[in-house]
Every structure is written in structure tokens, then in C-alpha cells.
């Protein structure tokens, strides 16, 4: 992996919020493999303890069950921490339309608590998950930082607010912050269950069961599907980036474009399944097309993603075959 040779000070402690979730648990695993200490904070409202049980006997791993909406919990979690990888949030655009107050509390207030706790605790670097949803209805393709459109969901609003708060903490308090605008991340341990599950694990799980997945809209909408290893690289390199990156937000993707219909055909062929998908009305807040220009991340973070969509999807399929009971 492109991050295997990255070096941090000996005994560095990483706090990974939302560490029992899909992205968070993969980050925990990667940091532990590099030989550094990990403190995982998760309230288990979305994450699963089963995602991190494999680390329980590692002397460099610590788990705190707690809520980022509780400032005292955030302060406790930040004690002695060098790097914060803030992944804790509620995802899903459609669910945010239904539950705007919960999204504001979790995603905005929770992130502000973590920023303040990091400032007070002397954290060196605060790297946080933003989202491609901040581009809203902007028509420019590929998406370029600084060319955002009108926000289309409460979820997108929370991510934009996080970016603005992070910038304030860099401007006024000197806290190094770095926002990573993830583009449709997929990979091992991503939950396929529930109404708000991401499309790739949901499609794979349905096809493994010989059931027809549902495509919302006409299926011509496109996404820059991004394998989890690229996201790990971005988080770790953001921790080592120069002060020029502080207060900024970066597109994190591979830089491609795949329609949902193309995705479905690729998965059906790989799984040797001949089932026609079902179609349903498009969901409110969904962006029609989304692909990323990653020039800024290449320049300031030395981000050089190795995992193409084609390579990543084969790895993901293999993982789900071996870990889903159908």
C-alpha cells in the first residue's frame, strides 16, 4: 500500500472517532498495522462492535464507548492524543431529510465538540470526514474545490458547516485541520443492511441471495466510487501534510465515473447472476452526477491513489463472498 512506509513519531496516539464504523474500523486496522497506538471512540449507534473485536487483544488498542455530543466524553477521548481522525457522523442523504435535528446534533455539534476538545488537548492534527455532497447541484464535472453549488440535503449542510467550523479553528486557534471530501467510499466491512445502506454492498448482498436490487431513478446517475484503501492513504497523508493544507478541504476519490447501471452489470457478471434490477423513483437530495478532480489533494497531501474502481470492486466482491451468510 502507498501508506505502508509512512513514518510518525514513536508511540504516536491516534484517536479515531466512529472507529467501529466502516471507514473508522479500516483506519483502526491500518494504524495498528503501522505500529502506532489507536484509541477508538464510538457510541455504536451506527458502528458495530463486531467491526473492532479483532483488535481487542492488541495492547496498542483502546476502545471508548461514548457520544461525541457529550463534550466531557470528547475531552476524555482526546487526552494525550497526537492525531484525530474524525469519522463519527450520521450518513445517508435520504435519512437526513427525514431527521434534520438528529443530523445537526450529531454531525455539527458533535464535530464542534471534537474540534474544541482537540484544541484544548493540544492535538497536533485534526483530520475529518467531509463529503462530495457539499457540491450540491453544481454542474461542473469533475468536481473542483471552490466550485460548489446549492446544497441538496441536510446531510450536505452538516458537512459544509463542519468545513466552515474547521476553518475557524485554524484561523483563530491555530489548530491544524484538514477536511476530506469522500466520494462514494466502498470496501470491506461496509454494512449491506438497512434502508439507507450504500449501493455497492446492498447490490452485492442482494445478488448473492439471488434477489433483484432496487435502483432509484433511471440508473444513469454516475458516481466516483472510491475504494477504502485510497481513503486510508488520504487520512494518513493528511496527518503528515504541511501547514499549507491546514484549514483546507480536499476531494478524495480515484477520479472516475461509473453509472449505477454499469455498476449493476459489472456486479452481476462478476457474481454470475442473471437478474434484472427493480426501479423506483429517485430519492430526494440525490446528486445526479459526481466525479472528482483530485489535483489539489495530489499537490498538497501527496495523495496518489493506487486502487482503481475495477481493482477495488473485485476485492470488495471477494470479501463479501467470504463474510456474508446468504
Protein backbone atom coordinates (compact mmCIF):
# COMPACT_ATOMS: atom_id res chain seq x y z
CA UNK A 1 0.00 0.00 0.00
CA UNK A 2 1.16 3.55 -0.67
CA UNK A 3 0.94 4.39 3.03
CA UNK A 4 2.90 1.43 4.40
CA UNK A 5 6.15 3.40 4.57
CA UNK A 6 4.72 6.49 6.26
CA UNK A 7 6.55 7.41 9.46
CA UNK A 8 5.13 9.11 12.54
CA UNK A 9 6.88 9.84 15.85
CA UNK A 10 7.32 6.73 18.01
CA UNK A 11 4.39 5.99 20.34
CA UNK A 12 2.06 8.31 18.40
CA UNK A 13 -1.55 8.02 19.57
CA UNK A 14 -4.37 8.26 17.03
CA UNK A 15 -7.94 8.93 18.13
CA UNK A 16 -10.37 7.54 15.58
CA UNK A 17 -13.93 8.69 16.18
CA UNK A 18 -16.62 6.50 14.68
CA UNK A 19 -13.93 3.84 14.84
CA UNK A 20 -16.40 0.94 14.94
CA UNK A 21 -17.93 2.00 11.64
CA UNK A 22 -16.95 1.00 8.13
CA UNK A 23 -14.30 3.64 7.42
CA UNK A 24 -13.28 4.01 11.06
CA UNK A 25 -12.58 0.31 11.62
CA UNK A 26 -10.46 0.16 8.49
CA UNK A 27 -8.47 3.14 9.75
CA UNK A 28 -8.01 1.44 13.14
CA UNK A 29 -6.67 -1.63 11.39
CA UNK A 30 -4.28 0.34 9.18
CA UNK A 31 -2.81 2.44 12.01
CA UNK A 32 -2.31 -0.63 14.22
CA UNK A 33 -0.55 -2.42 11.38
CA UNK A 34 1.82 0.53 11.07
CA UNK A 35 2.73 0.00 14.72
CA UNK A 36 1.11 3.01 16.34
CA UNK A 37 -1.44 3.34 19.15
CA UNK A 38 -5.17 3.65 18.49
CA UNK A 39 -7.97 4.91 20.69
CA UNK A 40 -11.37 4.15 19.15
CA UNK A 41 -14.37 6.27 20.16
CA UNK A 42 -17.84 5.14 19.10
CA UNK A 43 -21.34 5.25 20.60
CA UNK A 44 -22.35 2.20 18.49
CA UNK A 45 -25.42 3.97 17.10
CA UNK A 46 -24.18 3.17 13.60
CA UNK A 47 -20.91 1.33 14.15
CA UNK A 48 -20.71 -2.30 15.22
CA UNK A 49 -18.59 -3.75 18.00
CA UNK A 50 -18.02 -6.75 15.73
CA UNK A 51 -16.01 -4.48 13.42
CA UNK A 52 -13.39 -3.86 16.11
CA UNK A 53 -13.46 -7.05 18.19
CA UNK A 54 -10.48 -8.28 16.19
CA UNK A 55 -8.33 -5.55 17.81
CA UNK A 56 -9.43 -6.21 21.42
CA UNK A 57 -6.30 -8.17 22.39
CA UNK A 58 -3.89 -5.68 20.84
CA UNK A 59 -2.03 -3.83 23.61
CA UNK A 60 -1.87 -0.72 21.41
CA UNK A 61 -5.68 -0.56 21.04
CA UNK A 62 -8.22 1.05 23.38
CA UNK A 63 -11.99 1.31 22.96
CA UNK A 64 -14.18 4.00 24.49
CA UNK A 65 -17.93 3.73 24.10
CA UNK A 66 -19.14 7.30 24.13
CA UNK A 67 -21.06 10.00 22.29
CA UNK A 68 -19.40 12.99 20.59
CA UNK A 69 -22.43 15.09 21.56
CA UNK A 70 -21.08 14.85 25.14
CA UNK A 71 -18.20 17.32 25.47
CA UNK A 72 -16.80 15.59 28.56
CA UNK A 73 -16.52 12.37 26.56
CA UNK A 74 -14.67 14.24 23.82
CA UNK A 75 -12.21 15.72 26.32
CA UNK A 76 -11.54 12.32 27.86
CA UNK A 77 -11.02 10.77 24.43
CA UNK A 78 -8.52 13.49 23.41
CA UNK A 79 -6.21 13.09 26.42
CA UNK A 80 -2.66 12.54 25.19
CA UNK A 81 -3.74 12.25 21.55
CA UNK A 82 -1.43 13.31 18.72
CA UNK A 83 -3.72 12.85 15.72
CA UNK A 84 -7.50 12.86 15.45
CA UNK A 85 -9.14 11.06 12.52
CA UNK A 86 -12.73 12.24 12.96
CA UNK A 87 -15.12 9.86 11.16
CA UNK A 88 -18.05 9.89 13.60
CA UNK A 89 -21.20 11.12 11.87
CA UNK A 90 -24.59 10.02 10.68
CA UNK A 91 -24.52 9.29 6.96
CA UNK A 92 -27.23 8.91 4.29
CA UNK A 93 -28.77 11.79 2.34
CA UNK A 94 -32.35 10.40 2.39
CA UNK A 95 -32.30 9.76 6.13
CA UNK A 96 -31.06 13.30 6.79
CA UNK A 97 -34.13 14.68 5.01
CA UNK A 98 -36.27 12.73 7.48
CA UNK A 99 -34.23 13.52 10.63
CA UNK A 100 -32.67 17.00 10.31
CA UNK A 101 -32.44 17.70 14.06
CA UNK A 102 -30.56 14.47 14.74
CA UNK A 103 -28.15 15.24 11.90
CA UNK A 104 -27.49 18.73 13.21
CA UNK A 105 -26.78 17.41 16.72
CA UNK A 106 -24.56 14.52 15.64
CA UNK A 107 -22.73 15.96 12.68
CA UNK A 108 -22.38 19.65 13.53
CA UNK A 109 -22.46 19.89 17.34
CA UNK A 110 -20.54 16.63 17.67
CA UNK A 111 -17.81 17.84 15.32
CA UNK A 112 -17.61 21.21 17.09
CA UNK A 113 -17.16 19.37 20.39
CA UNK A 114 -14.32 17.37 18.88
CA UNK A 115 -12.65 20.48 17.46
CA UNK A 116 -12.77 22.24 20.83
CA UNK A 117 -11.60 19.18 22.76
CA UNK A 118 -8.72 18.79 20.29
CA UNK A 119 -7.75 22.44 20.70
CA UNK A 120 -7.79 22.26 24.47
CA UNK A 121 -5.84 18.98 24.46
CA UNK A 122 -3.05 20.17 22.16
CA UNK A 123 -3.78 17.73 19.33
CA UNK A 124 -1.25 18.10 16.51
CA UNK A 125 -3.52 17.36 13.54
CA UNK A 126 -7.32 17.15 13.20
CA UNK A 127 -8.36 15.31 10.03
CA UNK A 128 -12.09 14.94 9.45
CA UNK A 129 -14.52 13.33 7.03
CA UNK A 130 -16.36 15.71 4.76
CA UNK A 131 -18.34 14.63 1.70
CA UNK A 132 -18.81 15.12 -2.03
CA UNK A 133 -22.39 16.09 -1.13
CA UNK A 134 -21.15 19.65 -0.47
CA UNK A 135 -21.10 20.16 -4.25
CA UNK A 136 -24.90 20.06 -4.32
CA UNK A 137 -26.38 20.87 -7.70
CA UNK A 138 -23.14 22.25 -9.14
CA UNK A 139 -22.97 21.12 -12.77
CA UNK A 140 -19.20 21.23 -13.25
CA UNK A 141 -17.67 17.80 -13.90
CA UNK A 142 -15.34 16.73 -12.49
CA UNK A 143 -15.94 18.46 -9.15
CA UNK A 144 -13.30 21.03 -8.19
CA UNK A 145 -12.85 22.54 -4.74
CA UNK A 146 -14.21 26.09 -4.72
CA UNK A 147 -16.92 25.42 -7.32
CA UNK A 148 -19.78 24.23 -5.11
CA UNK A 149 -23.48 24.55 -5.96
CA UNK A 150 -26.68 24.77 -3.94
CA UNK A 151 -26.83 22.17 -1.16
CA UNK A 152 -29.48 19.50 -1.70
CA UNK A 153 -29.83 17.86 1.74
CA UNK A 154 -29.44 18.43 5.48
CA UNK A 155 -26.57 15.94 5.38
CA UNK A 156 -24.72 18.10 2.86
CA UNK A 157 -25.39 21.15 5.02
CA UNK A 158 -23.81 19.46 8.05
CA UNK A 159 -20.68 18.65 6.08
CA UNK A 160 -20.37 22.20 4.77
CA UNK A 161 -20.83 23.51 8.32
CA UNK A 162 -18.04 21.20 9.52
CA UNK A 163 -15.70 22.62 6.90
CA UNK A 164 -16.51 26.16 7.98
CA UNK A 165 -16.02 25.40 11.67
CA UNK A 166 -12.71 23.66 10.95
CA UNK A 167 -11.53 26.72 9.04
CA UNK A 168 -12.44 28.91 12.02
CA UNK A 169 -10.40 26.73 14.34
CA UNK A 170 -7.42 27.01 12.02
CA UNK A 171 -7.81 30.79 11.66
CA UNK A 172 -8.41 31.71 15.29
CA UNK A 173 -6.80 28.95 17.34
CA UNK A 174 -4.02 27.60 15.14
CA UNK A 175 -5.42 24.07 15.12
CA UNK A 176 -4.29 22.14 12.07
CA UNK A 177 -7.47 20.88 10.38
CA UNK A 178 -7.90 19.03 7.11
CA UNK A 179 -11.22 18.07 5.51
CA UNK A 180 -11.53 15.06 3.23
CA UNK A 181 -14.45 15.13 0.82
CA UNK A 182 -15.07 11.41 0.32
CA UNK A 183 -16.63 10.29 -2.95
CA UNK A 184 -18.76 7.14 -2.50
CA UNK A 185 -16.37 5.01 -0.48
CA UNK A 186 -16.73 1.21 -0.60
CA UNK A 187 -14.90 -1.85 0.68
CA UNK A 188 -14.73 -4.48 3.40
CA UNK A 189 -16.96 -4.15 6.47
CA UNK A 190 -19.38 -1.75 4.79
CA UNK A 191 -22.84 -2.69 6.05
CA UNK A 192 -25.20 -4.01 3.33
CA UNK A 193 -28.30 -4.00 5.56
CA UNK A 194 -30.99 -1.41 6.11
CA UNK A 195 -32.92 1.07 4.01
CA UNK A 196 -30.01 3.53 3.97
CA UNK A 197 -27.17 1.16 3.16
CA UNK A 198 -24.71 2.21 0.45
CA UNK A 199 -25.39 0.96 -3.04
CA UNK A 200 -22.39 -1.36 -3.60
CA UNK A 201 -22.76 -3.59 -0.52
CA UNK A 202 -26.54 -3.59 -0.93
CA UNK A 203 -26.31 -4.70 -4.57
CA UNK A 204 -23.73 -7.38 -3.76
CA UNK A 205 -25.77 -8.75 -0.84
CA UNK A 206 -28.93 -8.93 -2.95
CA UNK A 207 -27.22 -10.65 -5.85
CA UNK A 208 -25.54 -13.18 -3.57
CA UNK A 209 -29.05 -14.05 -2.36
CA UNK A 210 -30.27 -14.25 -5.97
CA UNK A 211 -32.60 -11.30 -5.34
CA UNK A 212 -33.19 -8.22 -7.51
CA UNK A 213 -31.65 -4.98 -6.16
CA UNK A 214 -33.53 -1.69 -6.38
CA UNK A 215 -32.15 1.19 -8.44
CA UNK A 216 -33.58 4.58 -7.51
CA UNK A 217 -34.09 6.74 -10.58
CA UNK A 218 -33.13 5.70 -14.11
CA UNK A 219 -29.73 4.27 -13.16
CA UNK A 220 -27.88 6.73 -15.39
CA UNK A 221 -26.63 8.74 -12.42
CA UNK A 222 -22.86 8.42 -12.05
CA UNK A 223 -20.54 8.16 -9.09
CA UNK A 224 -16.79 8.26 -8.47
CA UNK A 225 -16.70 5.03 -6.45
CA UNK A 226 -13.64 5.08 -4.21
CA UNK A 227 -12.05 2.03 -2.61
CA UNK A 228 -11.37 2.18 1.14
CA UNK A 229 -7.57 1.86 0.77
CA UNK A 230 -7.47 5.22 -1.02
CA UNK A 231 -9.31 6.82 1.90
CA UNK A 232 -6.86 5.35 4.40
CA UNK A 233 -3.98 6.79 2.38
CA UNK A 234 -5.61 10.24 2.36
CA UNK A 235 -6.20 10.28 6.12
CA UNK A 236 -2.66 9.29 7.00
CA UNK A 237 -1.01 11.60 4.48
CA UNK A 238 -3.19 14.48 5.69
CA UNK A 239 -1.64 13.94 9.14
CA UNK A 240 1.81 14.48 7.64
CA UNK A 241 0.99 17.34 5.28
CA UNK A 242 2.48 20.81 5.62
CA UNK A 243 0.72 23.81 7.15
CA UNK A 244 -0.29 24.86 3.61
CA UNK A 245 -3.01 22.18 3.78
CA UNK A 246 -4.41 23.38 7.11
CA UNK A 247 -7.95 24.72 7.02
CA UNK A 248 -8.48 23.30 3.54
CA UNK A 249 -10.83 20.61 2.19
CA UNK A 250 -9.83 18.09 -0.46
CA UNK A 251 -11.56 15.76 -2.90
CA UNK A 252 -10.73 12.15 -2.03
CA UNK A 253 -11.54 9.75 -4.87
CA UNK A 254 -9.85 7.86 -7.65
CA UNK A 255 -11.11 10.16 -10.35
CA UNK A 256 -13.56 8.06 -12.38
CA UNK A 257 -17.22 7.90 -13.31
CA UNK A 258 -19.45 4.81 -13.26
CA UNK A 259 -23.24 4.78 -13.68
CA UNK A 260 -25.44 2.68 -11.44
CA UNK A 261 -26.50 0.62 -14.45
CA UNK A 262 -22.84 -0.05 -15.30
CA UNK A 263 -22.16 -0.93 -11.67
CA UNK A 264 -25.03 -3.37 -11.66
CA UNK A 265 -23.86 -5.07 -14.86
CA UNK A 266 -20.29 -5.40 -13.52
CA UNK A 267 -21.50 -6.95 -10.26
CA UNK A 268 -23.98 -9.31 -11.94
CA UNK A 269 -21.30 -10.54 -14.35
CA UNK A 270 -18.71 -11.00 -11.59
CA UNK A 271 -21.20 -12.96 -9.49
CA UNK A 272 -22.53 -14.90 -12.49
CA UNK A 273 -26.10 -13.81 -11.82
CA UNK A 274 -28.74 -13.00 -14.45
CA UNK A 275 -31.38 -11.00 -12.60
CA UNK A 276 -32.95 -7.75 -13.79
CA UNK A 277 -32.90 -4.90 -11.24
CA UNK A 278 -36.05 -3.22 -9.97
CA UNK A 279 -36.52 0.51 -10.44
CA UNK A 280 -38.04 3.02 -8.02
CA UNK A 281 -38.48 6.81 -8.04
CA UNK A 282 -35.32 8.80 -7.42
CA UNK A 283 -34.74 9.86 -3.83
CA UNK A 284 -34.82 13.49 -2.65
CA UNK A 285 -31.43 15.10 -2.24
CA UNK A 286 -29.55 12.69 -4.53
CA UNK A 287 -26.94 14.22 -6.82
CA UNK A 288 -27.21 13.21 -10.49
CA UNK A 289 -23.52 13.08 -11.39
CA UNK A 290 -20.43 13.09 -9.22
CA UNK A 291 -16.79 12.69 -10.21
CA UNK A 292 -13.73 14.25 -8.63
CA UNK A 293 -10.77 16.33 -9.68
CA UNK A 294 -8.06 15.24 -7.21
CA UNK A 295 -5.36 17.69 -8.35
CA UNK A 296 -5.41 19.67 -5.10
CA UNK A 297 -5.04 16.55 -2.95
CA UNK A 298 -2.18 15.31 -5.13
CA UNK A 299 -0.38 18.63 -4.74
CA UNK A 300 -0.86 19.38 -1.03
CA UNK A 301 -1.34 15.93 0.51
CA UNK A 302 0.85 13.86 -1.84
CA UNK A 303 -2.28 11.78 -2.41
CA UNK A 304 -1.69 9.19 -5.15
CA UNK A 305 -4.50 6.62 -5.04
CA UNK A 306 -3.48 3.16 -6.23
CA UNK A 307 -6.84 1.44 -6.14
CA UNK A 308 -8.96 1.90 -9.25
CA UNK A 309 -12.66 1.12 -9.18
CA UNK A 310 -12.04 -2.08 -11.18
CA UNK A 311 -9.41 -3.34 -8.76
CA UNK A 312 -11.37 -2.33 -5.68
CA UNK A 313 -14.66 -3.86 -6.76
CA UNK A 314 -13.07 -7.27 -7.23
CA UNK A 315 -11.56 -7.07 -3.74
CA UNK A 316 -14.91 -6.00 -2.27
CA UNK A 317 -16.81 -8.81 -4.00
CA UNK A 318 -14.28 -11.32 -2.70
CA UNK A 319 -14.67 -10.02 0.86
CA UNK A 320 -18.48 -10.16 0.80
CA UNK A 321 -18.42 -13.68 -0.66
CA UNK A 322 -16.36 -14.81 2.32
CA UNK A 323 -18.12 -12.81 5.03
CA UNK A 324 -21.82 -12.64 4.17
CA UNK A 325 -24.09 -15.53 5.13
CA UNK A 326 -26.69 -15.86 2.40
